[in-house]
Amino acid sequence: MQAKAQMSGDHIAGSATFTEYEFGTGHVVKIVLELEGDKEKLKAGKHAVHIHEKPCCDDDPSFKCAGGHFDPGPAGNSDPDVNHPFHAGDLPNIVVDENGKGVLEAVTTRVTLSEGPLSILTKEGTSLMVHANTDPYQGGEKGSGVSGGPRLACGNIKPIAL
């Protein structure tokens, strides 16, 4: 099973591909994110990457409508700072070079593409977000922005028909 997100932001574009692999009764999802932007907008260095709880990237240039981090379940907490780095949507930082280009390849067991409580494709769906700052993988006060700060690029995650 596969999904894709077309990433966009202010002078930033790219794409992400999600591929689910099954090993026995377990699932892993490989994410490949390629991003490119104006080097004044997408500065060189590490940028936080997260799966957000709502697919809302098209109508809001600040991407606030994408909500908090994806963290389903009875004890889930989508607050991007307080529950950090323990939410299901937490991913490694993407490293952007001096030319405004970056590639992230990561594998996670925290989400699935197939049906189930960890699926990022069920209900209304989710989005992939790239932030302005590094993710230090530690919690902070509500609204502190410790988990990545301003939102730079967003893409709605959609299934790919095979």
N, C-alpha and C. Protein backbone atom coordinates (compact mmCIF):
# COMPACT_ATOMS: atom_id res chain seq x y z
N MET A 1 0.85 -1.17 0.00
CA MET A 1 0.00 0.00 0.00
C MET A 1 0.90 1.24 0.00
N GLN A 2 0.47 2.27 -0.74
CA GLN A 2 1.25 3.50 -0.83
C GLN A 2 0.36 4.73 -0.70
N ALA A 3 1.00 5.83 -0.30
CA ALA A 3 0.33 7.13 -0.23
C ALA A 3 1.35 8.19 -0.64
N LYS A 4 0.83 9.38 -0.94
CA LYS A 4 1.70 10.46 -1.40
C LYS A 4 1.20 11.78 -0.84
N ALA A 5 2.12 12.71 -0.66
CA ALA A 5 1.77 14.08 -0.26
C ALA A 5 2.55 15.04 -1.15
N GLN A 6 1.83 15.95 -1.81
CA GLN A 6 2.47 17.02 -2.58
C GLN A 6 2.69 18.17 -1.62
N MET A 7 3.93 18.50 -1.36
CA MET A 7 4.28 19.52 -0.38
C MET A 7 4.32 20.90 -1.03
N SER A 8 3.81 21.90 -0.30
CA SER A 8 3.89 23.26 -0.79
C SER A 8 3.96 24.23 0.38
N GLY A 9 4.56 25.38 0.11
CA GLY A 9 4.69 26.45 1.08
C GLY A 9 5.13 27.69 0.33
N ASP A 10 5.49 28.72 1.05
CA ASP A 10 5.93 29.97 0.44
C ASP A 10 7.28 29.76 -0.24
N HIS A 11 7.28 29.62 -1.56
CA HIS A 11 8.49 29.35 -2.35
C HIS A 11 9.16 28.03 -1.96
N ILE A 12 8.34 27.05 -1.54
CA ILE A 12 8.83 25.71 -1.17
C ILE A 12 7.92 24.69 -1.84
N ALA A 13 8.52 23.63 -2.39
CA ALA A 13 7.74 22.56 -3.02
C ALA A 13 8.47 21.24 -2.84
N GLY A 14 7.72 20.16 -3.01
CA GLY A 14 8.32 18.84 -2.92
C GLY A 14 7.25 17.77 -2.89
N SER A 15 7.68 16.57 -2.58
CA SER A 15 6.74 15.46 -2.48
C SER A 15 7.25 14.45 -1.46
N ALA A 16 6.30 13.71 -0.93
CA ALA A 16 6.62 12.64 0.01
C ALA A 16 5.88 11.38 -0.43
N THR A 17 6.56 10.27 -0.36
CA THR A 17 5.96 8.98 -0.66
C THR A 17 5.99 8.12 0.60
N PHE A 18 4.87 7.48 0.89
CA PHE A 18 4.72 6.60 2.05
C PHE A 18 4.48 5.19 1.51
N THR A 19 5.27 4.22 1.94
CA THR A 19 5.11 2.83 1.51
C THR A 19 5.03 1.95 2.74
N GLU A 20 3.96 1.17 2.83
CA GLU A 20 3.79 0.26 3.97
C GLU A 20 4.29 -1.13 3.61
N TYR A 21 5.05 -1.71 4.54
CA TYR A 21 5.54 -3.08 4.42
C TYR A 21 5.02 -3.88 5.59
N GLU A 22 4.66 -5.12 5.31
CA GLU A 22 4.16 -6.01 6.36
C GLU A 22 5.20 -7.09 6.63
N PHE A 23 5.50 -7.27 7.91
CA PHE A 23 6.43 -8.31 8.34
C PHE A 23 5.71 -9.14 9.39
N GLY A 24 5.22 -10.33 8.98
CA GLY A 24 4.43 -11.13 9.90
C GLY A 24 3.16 -10.38 10.25
N THR A 25 2.99 -10.10 11.53
CA THR A 25 1.81 -9.35 11.96
C THR A 25 2.11 -7.86 12.17
N GLY A 26 3.34 -7.45 11.91
CA GLY A 26 3.72 -6.06 12.10
C GLY A 26 3.75 -5.28 10.80
N HIS A 27 3.67 -3.97 10.92
CA HIS A 27 3.71 -3.07 9.77
C HIS A 27 4.75 -1.98 10.03
N VAL A 28 5.46 -1.62 8.97
CA VAL A 28 6.35 -0.45 9.01
C VAL A 28 6.01 0.42 7.80
N VAL A 29 6.22 1.71 7.96
CA VAL A 29 5.98 2.64 6.86
C VAL A 29 7.28 3.37 6.57
N LYS A 30 7.72 3.30 5.31
CA LYS A 30 8.90 4.04 4.87
C LYS A 30 8.41 5.35 4.25
N ILE A 31 9.06 6.43 4.66
CA ILE A 31 8.72 7.75 4.15
C ILE A 31 9.94 8.32 3.44
N VAL A 32 9.73 8.79 2.21
CA VAL A 32 10.78 9.48 1.48
C VAL A 32 10.23 10.87 1.15
N LEU A 33 10.86 11.89 1.72
CA LEU A 33 10.45 13.28 1.53
C LEU A 33 11.55 14.01 0.78
N GLU A 34 11.20 14.62 -0.33
CA GLU A 34 12.13 15.46 -1.10
C GLU A 34 11.56 16.86 -1.11
N LEU A 35 12.38 17.82 -0.71
CA LEU A 35 11.92 19.18 -0.56
C LEU A 35 12.92 20.15 -1.18
N GLU A 36 12.40 21.22 -1.78
CA GLU A 36 13.26 22.22 -2.40
C GLU A 36 12.59 23.58 -2.23
N GLY A 37 13.41 24.58 -1.95
CA GLY A 37 12.83 25.91 -1.80
C GLY A 37 13.85 27.01 -1.89
N ASP A 38 13.34 28.21 -1.95
CA ASP A 38 14.17 29.40 -1.91
C ASP A 38 14.99 29.33 -0.63
N LYS A 39 16.32 29.48 -0.73
CA LYS A 39 17.17 29.29 0.44
C LYS A 39 16.98 30.36 1.51
N GLU A 40 16.25 31.42 1.20
CA GLU A 40 15.88 32.40 2.23
C GLU A 40 14.65 31.93 3.01
N LYS A 41 13.81 31.13 2.37
CA LYS A 41 12.60 30.61 3.01
C LYS A 41 12.85 29.26 3.68
N LEU A 42 13.59 28.39 2.98
CA LEU A 42 13.93 27.06 3.49
C LEU A 42 15.43 27.07 3.78
N LYS A 43 15.76 27.53 4.96
CA LYS A 43 17.16 27.75 5.33
C LYS A 43 17.92 26.44 5.53
N ALA A 44 19.22 26.47 5.29
CA ALA A 44 20.08 25.31 5.49
C ALA A 44 20.02 24.88 6.95
N GLY A 45 20.05 23.56 7.16
CA GLY A 45 20.04 23.01 8.52
C GLY A 45 18.92 22.00 8.69
N LYS A 46 18.64 21.66 9.93
CA LYS A 46 17.62 20.67 10.27
C LYS A 46 16.26 21.33 10.46
N HIS A 47 15.23 20.64 9.96
CA HIS A 47 13.86 21.10 10.10
C HIS A 47 12.98 19.95 10.60
N ALA A 48 12.13 20.24 11.57
CA ALA A 48 11.21 19.23 12.11
C ALA A 48 10.23 18.77 11.04
N VAL A 49 9.89 17.48 11.09
CA VAL A 49 8.90 16.88 10.19
C VAL A 49 7.93 16.07 11.05
N HIS A 50 6.63 16.31 10.85
CA HIS A 50 5.60 15.60 11.61
C HIS A 50 4.40 15.28 10.73
N ILE A 51 3.70 14.24 11.11
CA ILE A 51 2.39 13.96 10.54
C ILE A 51 1.39 14.69 11.42
N HIS A 52 0.54 15.51 10.81
CA HIS A 52 -0.47 16.28 11.55
C HIS A 52 -1.84 15.64 11.40
N GLU A 53 -2.73 15.95 12.33
CA GLU A 53 -3.98 15.24 12.49
C GLU A 53 -5.06 15.54 11.45
N LYS A 54 -4.93 16.59 10.65
CA LYS A 54 -5.96 16.93 9.67
C LYS A 54 -5.34 17.22 8.31
N PRO A 55 -6.05 16.86 7.22
CA PRO A 55 -5.57 17.16 5.87
C PRO A 55 -6.01 18.56 5.44
N CYS A 56 -5.31 19.56 5.90
CA CYS A 56 -5.76 20.93 5.66
C CYS A 56 -4.56 21.80 5.27
N CYS A 57 -4.11 21.64 4.04
CA CYS A 57 -2.93 22.38 3.59
C CYS A 57 -3.24 23.39 2.50
N ASP A 58 -4.37 23.27 1.86
CA ASP A 58 -4.64 24.03 0.65
C ASP A 58 -5.20 25.43 0.87
N ASP A 59 -5.96 25.63 1.92
CA ASP A 59 -6.70 26.88 2.07
C ASP A 59 -6.13 27.83 3.12
N ASP A 60 -5.08 27.45 3.81
CA ASP A 60 -4.56 28.24 4.91
C ASP A 60 -3.04 28.34 4.78
N PRO A 61 -2.50 29.51 4.39
CA PRO A 61 -1.05 29.63 4.18
C PRO A 61 -0.22 29.41 5.45
N SER A 62 -0.83 29.52 6.64
CA SER A 62 -0.10 29.26 7.88
C SER A 62 -0.22 27.79 8.28
N PHE A 63 -1.09 27.05 7.62
CA PHE A 63 -1.32 25.62 7.85
C PHE A 63 -1.81 25.30 9.27
N LYS A 64 -2.31 26.28 9.99
CA LYS A 64 -2.83 26.04 11.35
C LYS A 64 -4.02 25.09 11.34
N CYS A 65 -4.78 25.09 10.24
CA CYS A 65 -5.97 24.24 10.16
C CYS A 65 -5.61 22.75 10.15
N ALA A 66 -4.32 22.41 9.97
CA ALA A 66 -3.90 21.00 9.99
C ALA A 66 -3.89 20.44 11.41
N GLY A 67 -4.16 21.29 12.39
CA GLY A 67 -4.25 20.83 13.77
C GLY A 67 -2.90 20.47 14.36
N GLY A 68 -2.96 19.65 15.40
CA GLY A 68 -1.76 19.21 16.10
C GLY A 68 -1.17 17.96 15.48
N HIS A 69 -0.30 17.34 16.20
CA HIS A 69 0.37 16.14 15.73
C HIS A 69 -0.56 14.93 15.80
N PHE A 70 -0.43 14.03 14.82
CA PHE A 70 -1.23 12.82 14.77
C PHE A 70 -0.88 11.96 15.97
N ASP A 71 -1.88 11.68 16.81
CA ASP A 71 -1.67 10.85 17.99
C ASP A 71 -3.00 10.23 18.42
N PRO A 72 -3.46 9.21 17.68
CA PRO A 72 -4.76 8.62 17.96
C PRO A 72 -4.73 7.80 19.26
N GLY A 73 -5.90 7.44 19.69
CA GLY A 73 -5.99 6.52 20.82
C GLY A 73 -6.61 7.15 22.04
N PRO A 74 -6.96 6.31 22.97
CA PRO A 74 -7.64 6.81 24.17
C PRO A 74 -6.76 7.71 25.03
N ALA A 75 -5.45 7.57 24.94
CA ALA A 75 -4.55 8.43 25.73
C ALA A 75 -3.80 9.40 24.82
N GLY A 76 -4.25 9.55 23.56
CA GLY A 76 -3.57 10.42 22.61
C GLY A 76 -3.61 11.88 23.03
N ASN A 77 -2.58 12.61 22.64
CA ASN A 77 -2.50 14.03 22.94
C ASN A 77 -1.87 14.71 21.74
N SER A 78 -2.65 15.46 20.97
CA SER A 78 -2.15 16.05 19.73
C SER A 78 -1.41 17.37 19.95
N ASP A 79 -1.31 17.83 21.21
CA ASP A 79 -0.59 19.08 21.46
C ASP A 79 0.85 18.91 20.98
N PRO A 80 1.30 19.76 20.04
CA PRO A 80 2.61 19.56 19.44
C PRO A 80 3.79 19.76 20.38
N ASP A 81 3.60 20.40 21.51
CA ASP A 81 4.72 20.65 22.41
C ASP A 81 4.68 19.76 23.65
N VAL A 82 3.53 19.67 24.29
CA VAL A 82 3.41 18.96 25.56
C VAL A 82 3.69 17.47 25.42
N ASN A 83 3.19 16.84 24.37
CA ASN A 83 3.33 15.39 24.21
C ASN A 83 4.52 15.02 23.34
N HIS A 84 5.47 15.86 23.27
CA HIS A 84 6.59 15.63 22.36
C HIS A 84 7.75 14.95 23.08
N PRO A 85 8.39 13.97 22.55
CA PRO A 85 8.33 13.36 21.23
C PRO A 85 7.56 12.05 21.20
N PHE A 86 6.55 11.91 22.01
CA PHE A 86 5.89 10.62 22.17
C PHE A 86 4.68 10.41 21.29
N HIS A 87 4.32 11.35 20.44
CA HIS A 87 3.15 11.19 19.59
C HIS A 87 3.48 10.31 18.38
N ALA A 88 2.45 9.74 17.78
CA ALA A 88 2.64 8.81 16.66
C ALA A 88 3.17 9.50 15.41
N GLY A 89 2.92 10.79 15.24
CA GLY A 89 3.33 11.49 14.03
C GLY A 89 4.75 12.05 14.05
N ASP A 90 5.51 11.73 15.07
CA ASP A 90 6.88 12.25 15.17
C ASP A 90 7.80 11.54 14.19
N LEU A 91 8.56 12.31 13.41
CA LEU A 91 9.50 11.77 12.43
C LEU A 91 10.86 12.45 12.62
N PRO A 92 11.92 11.91 12.04
CA PRO A 92 13.23 12.57 12.13
C PRO A 92 13.24 13.91 11.40
N ASN A 93 14.20 14.75 11.75
CA ASN A 93 14.40 16.02 11.06
C ASN A 93 14.85 15.79 9.62
N ILE A 94 14.48 16.70 8.74
CA ILE A 94 15.04 16.70 7.38
C ILE A 94 16.21 17.69 7.39
N VAL A 95 17.29 17.33 6.71
CA VAL A 95 18.44 18.21 6.62
C VAL A 95 18.42 18.89 5.25
N VAL A 96 18.42 20.21 5.27
CA VAL A 96 18.39 21.02 4.05
C VAL A 96 19.79 21.56 3.81
N ASP A 97 20.26 21.47 2.56
CA ASP A 97 21.60 21.95 2.23
C ASP A 97 21.60 23.45 1.92
N GLU A 98 22.76 23.97 1.60
CA GLU A 98 22.94 25.41 1.33
C GLU A 98 22.17 25.89 0.10
N ASN A 99 21.76 24.96 -0.77
CA ASN A 99 21.01 25.31 -1.98
C ASN A 99 19.49 25.22 -1.79
N GLY A 100 19.04 24.94 -0.57
CA GLY A 100 17.61 24.84 -0.30
C GLY A 100 17.00 23.51 -0.69
N LYS A 101 17.81 22.45 -0.70
CA LYS A 101 17.31 21.12 -1.05
C LYS A 101 17.54 20.16 0.11
N GLY A 102 16.56 19.28 0.32
CA GLY A 102 16.69 18.28 1.37
C GLY A 102 15.97 17.00 1.02
N VAL A 103 16.48 15.89 1.54
CA VAL A 103 15.86 14.58 1.38
C VAL A 103 15.84 13.90 2.75
N LEU A 104 14.71 13.34 3.10
CA LEU A 104 14.57 12.56 4.32
C LEU A 104 14.08 11.18 3.95
N GLU A 105 14.77 10.16 4.41
CA GLU A 105 14.30 8.78 4.30
C GLU A 105 14.21 8.25 5.72
N ALA A 106 13.03 7.78 6.09
CA ALA A 106 12.80 7.31 7.45
C ALA A 106 11.83 6.13 7.44
N VAL A 107 11.91 5.32 8.48
CA VAL A 107 10.98 4.21 8.68
C VAL A 107 10.35 4.37 10.05
N THR A 108 9.04 4.17 10.13
CA THR A 108 8.35 4.28 11.40
C THR A 108 7.41 3.10 11.62
N THR A 109 7.26 2.71 12.87
CA THR A 109 6.27 1.71 13.26
C THR A 109 5.10 2.37 13.98
N ARG A 110 5.11 3.69 14.06
CA ARG A 110 4.10 4.42 14.82
C ARG A 110 2.81 4.66 14.04
N VAL A 111 2.84 4.50 12.71
CA VAL A 111 1.65 4.72 11.89
C VAL A 111 1.53 3.59 10.87
N THR A 112 0.34 3.48 10.27
CA THR A 112 0.12 2.53 9.17
C THR A 112 -0.65 3.24 8.06
N LEU A 113 -0.66 2.60 6.90
CA LEU A 113 -1.52 3.04 5.80
C LEU A 113 -2.76 2.17 5.72
N SER A 114 -2.66 0.96 6.24
CA SER A 114 -3.79 0.03 6.23
C SER A 114 -4.77 0.38 7.34
N GLU A 115 -5.95 -0.21 7.25
CA GLU A 115 -7.01 0.05 8.22
C GLU A 115 -6.53 -0.27 9.64
N GLY A 116 -7.00 0.51 10.58
CA GLY A 116 -6.67 0.29 11.98
C GLY A 116 -6.51 1.60 12.71
N PRO A 117 -6.30 1.53 14.01
CA PRO A 117 -6.26 2.75 14.82
C PRO A 117 -5.07 3.66 14.53
N LEU A 118 -4.01 3.17 13.91
CA LEU A 118 -2.84 3.98 13.61
C LEU A 118 -2.78 4.44 12.15
N SER A 119 -3.84 4.19 11.41
CA SER A 119 -3.86 4.54 9.99
C SER A 119 -3.91 6.05 9.79
N ILE A 120 -3.03 6.54 8.92
CA ILE A 120 -3.02 7.97 8.59
C ILE A 120 -3.92 8.28 7.39
N LEU A 121 -4.63 7.25 6.89
CA LEU A 121 -5.51 7.43 5.73
C LEU A 121 -7.00 7.32 6.06
N THR A 122 -7.37 6.86 7.24
CA THR A 122 -8.78 6.68 7.56
C THR A 122 -9.41 7.99 8.03
N LYS A 123 -10.71 7.97 8.15
CA LYS A 123 -11.52 9.12 8.52
C LYS A 123 -11.24 10.27 7.56
N GLU A 124 -10.95 11.45 8.05
CA GLU A 124 -10.73 12.59 7.15
C GLU A 124 -9.32 12.64 6.58
N GLY A 125 -8.39 11.87 7.14
CA GLY A 125 -7.02 11.84 6.66
C GLY A 125 -6.09 12.69 7.50
N THR A 126 -4.86 12.86 7.03
CA THR A 126 -3.81 13.57 7.75
C THR A 126 -2.97 14.39 6.77
N SER A 127 -1.97 15.08 7.29
CA SER A 127 -1.05 15.84 6.44
C SER A 127 0.37 15.67 6.95
N LEU A 128 1.32 15.99 6.09
CA LEU A 128 2.73 15.99 6.45
C LEU A 128 3.18 17.45 6.53
N MET A 129 3.90 17.79 7.61
CA MET A 129 4.29 19.17 7.86
C MET A 129 5.80 19.26 8.04
N VAL A 130 6.40 20.30 7.44
CA VAL A 130 7.80 20.65 7.66
C VAL A 130 7.81 22.00 8.37
N HIS A 131 8.58 22.06 9.45
CA HIS A 131 8.64 23.26 10.30
C HIS A 131 9.92 24.06 10.05
N ALA A 132 9.95 25.29 10.53
CA ALA A 132 11.10 26.18 10.35
C ALA A 132 12.30 25.80 11.20
N ASN A 133 12.04 25.19 12.36
CA ASN A 133 13.12 24.92 13.32
C ASN A 133 13.41 23.43 13.46
N THR A 134 14.50 23.15 14.11
CA THR A 134 14.89 21.78 14.43
C THR A 134 13.95 21.20 15.47
N ASP A 135 13.71 19.92 15.40
CA ASP A 135 12.97 19.20 16.43
C ASP A 135 13.99 18.66 17.44
N PRO A 136 13.97 19.14 18.68
CA PRO A 136 14.93 18.67 19.68
C PRO A 136 14.49 17.37 20.37
N TYR A 137 13.30 16.86 20.01
CA TYR A 137 12.76 15.62 20.59
C TYR A 137 12.64 15.70 22.10
N GLN A 138 12.10 16.81 22.57
CA GLN A 138 11.80 16.96 23.99
C GLN A 138 10.54 17.79 24.13
N GLY A 139 9.81 17.58 25.21
CA GLY A 139 8.58 18.31 25.44
C GLY A 139 8.84 19.70 25.98
N GLY A 140 7.77 20.48 26.01
CA GLY A 140 7.84 21.84 26.54
C GLY A 140 6.46 22.29 26.96
N GLU A 141 6.36 23.53 27.31
CA GLU A 141 5.08 24.11 27.71
C GLU A 141 4.16 24.23 26.51
N LYS A 142 2.86 24.16 26.75
CA LYS A 142 1.86 24.32 25.69
C LYS A 142 2.10 25.65 24.97
N GLY A 143 2.17 25.58 23.63
CA GLY A 143 2.35 26.77 22.82
C GLY A 143 3.77 27.29 22.74
N SER A 144 4.73 26.57 23.30
CA SER A 144 6.12 27.05 23.32
C SER A 144 6.81 26.94 21.97
N GLY A 145 6.32 26.07 21.09
CA GLY A 145 6.94 25.88 19.78
C GLY A 145 8.20 25.04 19.81
N VAL A 146 8.47 24.40 20.94
CA VAL A 146 9.69 23.61 21.09
C VAL A 146 9.77 22.48 20.07
N SER A 147 8.65 22.02 19.57
CA SER A 147 8.65 20.85 18.68
C SER A 147 8.92 21.19 17.22
N GLY A 148 9.22 22.43 16.88
CA GLY A 148 9.56 22.75 15.50
C GLY A 148 9.23 24.16 15.06
N GLY A 149 8.41 24.83 15.81
CA GLY A 149 8.12 26.23 15.48
C GLY A 149 7.21 26.42 14.28
N PRO A 150 7.36 27.54 13.57
CA PRO A 150 6.46 27.87 12.46
C PRO A 150 6.40 26.78 11.39
N ARG A 151 5.26 26.70 10.74
CA ARG A 151 5.02 25.69 9.71
C ARG A 151 5.40 26.26 8.34
N LEU A 152 6.32 25.57 7.64
CA LEU A 152 6.83 26.07 6.36
C LEU A 152 6.19 25.44 5.14
N ALA A 153 5.96 24.13 5.20
CA ALA A 153 5.43 23.41 4.03
C ALA A 153 4.51 22.31 4.51
N CYS A 154 3.46 22.05 3.73
CA CYS A 154 2.45 21.08 4.13
C CYS A 154 1.96 20.33 2.90
N GLY A 155 1.57 19.08 3.10
CA GLY A 155 0.98 18.28 2.02
C GLY A 155 -0.04 17.32 2.58
N ASN A 156 -1.22 17.26 1.98
CA ASN A 156 -2.24 16.30 2.39
C ASN A 156 -1.82 14.90 1.96
N ILE A 157 -1.90 13.95 2.87
CA ILE A 157 -1.50 12.57 2.59
C ILE A 157 -2.69 11.84 1.97
N LYS A 158 -2.49 11.33 0.75
CA LYS A 158 -3.56 10.68 0.00
C LYS A 158 -3.11 9.32 -0.49
N PRO A 159 -4.02 8.33 -0.49
CA PRO A 159 -3.63 7.00 -0.99
C PRO A 159 -3.33 7.02 -2.49
N ILE A 160 -2.43 6.14 -2.90
CA ILE A 160 -2.12 5.95 -4.31
C ILE A 160 -2.76 4.64 -4.73
N ALA A 161 -3.55 4.68 -5.77
CA ALA A 161 -4.18 3.45 -6.29
C ALA A 161 -3.11 2.64 -7.04
N LEU A 162 -2.98 1.39 -6.65
CA LEU A 162 -1.97 0.53 -7.31
C LEU A 162 -2.62 -0.35 -8.36
